[in-house]
Protein backbone atom coordinates (compact mmCIF):
# COMPACT_ATOMS: atom_id res chain seq x y z
CA MET A 1 96.28 -4.71 -133.15
CA THR A 2 98.76 -4.38 -135.51
CA ALA A 3 102.48 -5.03 -134.92
CA PRO A 4 104.73 -2.17 -135.10
CA ALA A 5 106.98 -1.85 -138.13
CA PRO A 6 110.41 -3.12 -137.87
CA MET A 7 113.16 -0.34 -137.57
CA ALA A 8 115.35 -0.14 -140.49
CA ASN A 9 118.98 -0.62 -139.94
CA PRO A 10 120.99 2.64 -141.51
CA THR A 11 124.03 0.20 -141.94
CA ALA A 12 122.66 -3.15 -143.00
CA PRO A 13 122.73 -3.02 -147.14
CA THR A 14 119.55 -2.78 -148.90
CA LEU A 15 118.40 -4.71 -151.79
CA ASN A 16 116.65 -2.49 -154.24
CA VAL A 17 115.03 -4.60 -156.83
CA ALA A 18 113.97 -1.79 -159.05
CA ARG A 19 117.51 -0.59 -159.53
CA ARG A 20 118.82 -4.00 -159.67
CA ALA A 21 116.67 -4.58 -162.83
CA GLU A 22 118.08 -1.52 -164.43
CA VAL A 23 121.50 -2.89 -164.50
CA PRO A 24 122.36 -4.51 -167.97
CA ASN A 25 123.10 -7.96 -168.29
CA THR A 26 126.66 -8.03 -169.47
CA HIS A 27 127.14 -11.82 -169.94
CA VAL A 28 126.46 -12.85 -173.45
CA PRO A 29 126.04 -16.74 -173.77
CA ARG A 30 128.59 -18.09 -176.14
CA GLN A 31 126.93 -19.76 -179.18
CA PRO A 32 127.56 -23.01 -179.87
CA LEU A 33 130.29 -24.12 -182.39
CA THR A 34 128.56 -26.12 -184.96
CA HIS A 35 130.82 -28.93 -186.97
CA THR A 36 130.08 -27.04 -190.44
CA ARG A 37 131.41 -23.77 -188.90
CA PHE A 38 134.58 -25.54 -187.26
CA LEU A 39 135.31 -27.04 -190.78
CA LEU A 40 134.67 -24.24 -192.81
CA THR A 41 137.21 -22.17 -190.34
CA ALA A 42 139.39 -24.77 -190.75
CA LEU A 43 139.28 -24.76 -194.45
CA ALA A 44 139.66 -21.14 -194.62
CA THR A 45 142.42 -21.17 -192.35
CA SER A 46 144.53 -23.58 -194.54
CA ALA A 47 144.02 -21.27 -197.06
CA VAL A 48 145.35 -18.32 -194.95
CA ASN A 49 148.38 -20.46 -193.57
CA LEU A 50 149.44 -21.59 -197.50
CA VAL A 51 149.27 -18.19 -198.67
CA LEU A 52 151.39 -16.74 -195.85
CA ASN A 53 154.08 -19.50 -196.35
CA ALA A 54 154.31 -19.30 -199.77
CA ALA A 55 154.80 -15.31 -199.28
CA VAL A 56 157.24 -15.81 -196.89
CA TYR A 57 159.02 -18.36 -199.09
CA ALA A 58 158.91 -16.44 -201.94
CA LEU A 59 160.10 -13.26 -200.35
CA ILE A 60 162.73 -14.53 -197.63
CA LEU A 61 163.27 -18.18 -197.39
CA LYS A 62 164.14 -19.03 -201.05
CA ASP A 63 167.08 -16.68 -201.52
CA PHE A 64 168.24 -17.47 -197.85
CA SER A 65 167.91 -21.05 -198.60
CA GLN A 66 170.19 -20.66 -201.44
CA ALA A 67 172.76 -18.51 -199.76
CA HIS A 68 173.16 -20.95 -197.10
CA PRO A 69 172.64 -24.64 -198.36
CA SER A 70 172.67 -27.60 -195.94
CA GLY A 71 175.22 -29.29 -198.28
CA SER A 72 176.81 -29.45 -201.59
CA GLU A 73 174.62 -28.02 -204.52
CA ALA A 74 173.88 -31.79 -205.60
CA PHE A 75 172.88 -32.63 -202.37
CA VAL A 76 170.58 -30.03 -201.93
CA ALA A 77 169.08 -30.66 -205.87
CA HIS A 78 168.90 -34.23 -204.75
CA LEU A 79 166.67 -33.03 -201.54
CA ASN A 80 164.36 -31.15 -203.00
CA ARG A 81 161.90 -31.65 -205.94
CA PRO A 82 162.12 -29.22 -208.91
CA PRO A 83 158.71 -27.12 -209.00
CA GLY A 84 157.14 -29.11 -211.88
CA GLU A 85 157.43 -32.39 -209.83
CA LEU A 86 155.77 -31.24 -206.82
CA VAL A 87 153.33 -33.76 -205.34
CA VAL A 88 150.02 -31.65 -205.46
CA TRP A 89 147.89 -33.88 -203.40
CA ALA A 90 150.27 -34.67 -200.48
CA MET A 91 150.89 -30.42 -200.38
CA ALA A 92 146.87 -30.07 -200.01
CA VAL A 93 147.03 -32.53 -197.46
CA THR A 94 149.54 -30.71 -195.47
CA SER A 95 147.73 -27.45 -195.96
CA LEU A 96 144.48 -29.03 -194.86
CA THR A 97 145.98 -30.89 -191.68
CA MET A 98 147.87 -27.72 -190.76
CA GLY A 99 144.66 -25.16 -191.00
CA LEU A 100 142.58 -28.22 -188.85
CA LEU A 101 145.62 -28.19 -186.27
CA ILE A 102 145.67 -24.59 -185.85
CA THR A 103 141.67 -24.25 -185.90
CA THR A 104 141.57 -27.23 -183.31
CA VAL A 105 144.32 -25.33 -181.08
CA MET A 106 142.34 -22.08 -181.01
CA ARG A 107 139.05 -23.98 -180.68
CA TRP A 108 140.85 -25.70 -177.37
CA SER A 109 142.22 -22.76 -176.30
CA GLY A 110 139.30 -20.60 -176.12
CA ALA A 111 140.57 -17.98 -178.28
CA ARG A 112 137.75 -16.17 -179.97
CA THR A 113 139.37 -12.58 -181.00
CA PRO A 114 142.47 -12.11 -183.26
CA GLY A 115 144.21 -10.98 -180.07
CA ARG A 116 143.94 -13.70 -178.43
CA GLY A 117 144.58 -15.96 -181.39
CA LEU A 118 147.79 -13.96 -181.64
CA ARG A 119 148.71 -14.95 -178.00
CA ASP A 120 147.89 -18.37 -178.19
CA GLY A 121 149.10 -18.68 -181.86
CA ALA A 122 152.43 -17.56 -180.93
CA ILE A 123 152.87 -19.60 -178.12
CA PHE A 124 151.97 -22.74 -180.14
CA GLY A 125 153.65 -21.71 -183.10
CA VAL A 126 156.77 -20.81 -181.44
CA LEU A 127 156.98 -24.07 -179.70
CA PHE A 128 155.66 -25.98 -182.49
CA TRP A 129 158.19 -24.98 -184.88
CA VAL A 130 161.51 -24.95 -182.55
CA ALA A 131 160.54 -28.64 -181.91
CA VAL A 132 160.00 -29.56 -185.78
CA ASN A 133 162.96 -27.56 -186.80
CA SER A 134 165.52 -28.39 -184.07
CA GLY A 135 164.42 -32.16 -184.31
CA LEU A 136 165.12 -31.99 -188.32
CA TYR A 137 168.23 -30.46 -187.71
CA ALA A 138 169.25 -32.73 -184.95
CA SER A 139 168.62 -36.03 -186.93
CA SER A 140 168.92 -35.07 -190.49
CA ASN A 141 170.86 -33.11 -192.95
CA LEU A 142 167.83 -30.94 -194.45
CA PHE A 143 168.64 -27.89 -192.66
CA SER A 144 171.98 -25.81 -191.91
CA LEU A 145 171.82 -24.13 -188.35
CA ALA A 146 171.50 -20.64 -190.07
CA SER A 147 168.47 -22.02 -192.17
CA VAL A 148 166.70 -23.36 -188.75
CA LEU A 149 167.40 -19.74 -187.23
CA VAL A 150 165.48 -18.05 -189.99
CA ASP A 151 163.03 -20.50 -190.81
CA THR A 152 161.58 -20.86 -187.25
CA PRO A 153 160.65 -17.44 -186.77
CA CYS A 154 159.16 -17.08 -190.15
CA VAL A 155 157.09 -20.17 -190.00
CA ALA A 156 156.06 -19.41 -186.59
CA LEU A 157 154.86 -16.02 -187.56
CA CYS A 158 152.58 -17.66 -190.26
CA MET A 159 151.33 -19.76 -187.73
CA THR A 160 150.53 -17.08 -185.41
CA LEU A 161 148.82 -15.10 -188.08
CA SER A 162 146.64 -18.03 -189.11
CA ALA A 163 145.37 -18.63 -185.61
CA ALA A 164 144.66 -15.12 -184.92
CA PHE A 165 142.18 -15.61 -188.18
CA ALA A 166 141.00 -18.98 -187.07
CA ALA A 167 140.32 -17.34 -183.37
CA TRP A 168 138.28 -14.47 -185.50
CA LEU A 169 136.45 -16.51 -187.38
CA LEU A 170 135.38 -19.14 -184.35
CA GLY A 171 134.43 -15.97 -182.54
CA VAL A 172 132.26 -13.96 -185.34
CA LYS A 173 128.89 -13.61 -184.06
CA ARG A 174 126.26 -15.17 -186.67
CA THR A 175 123.30 -13.07 -187.29
CA ALA A 176 119.99 -14.99 -187.88
CA ALA A 177 118.05 -13.92 -191.04
CA ARG A 178 114.64 -14.17 -189.31
């Protein structure tokens, strides 16, 4: 004798295995970030940040700094090296470490798209440059108040755009040539 089939409860949820198999898996596992990829991203970010800062200086800050000096002409001339006396290795170290800093912050924040890089980079850039420029204004004669108020958003924008670039490179999907 066979047992009667159980009666189905019309209000109970049913598990339709065939239908569930049709639903695509939208979870894409994150590819591991190699040290080489991270360092190449940091190097490229350094170059982008350097170019952006050079452009902002040439287009905005150079003329503004001359119009709003932090002291007398002799004092300002004493503070700044002439273009022919710049210490190239120190500028390279500054550029490389800034690119490494930006890339590290984007990696830690999990930003992998330009939009997320803009958001996270703007927060980091504004906080970083407000702290640096306010500290320099408070403790030295390197800046006038006007130059702090103009320099801060300019360099924060450069950092923000560089962060978006770094996040984009960190998130680019690698294609395997198999």
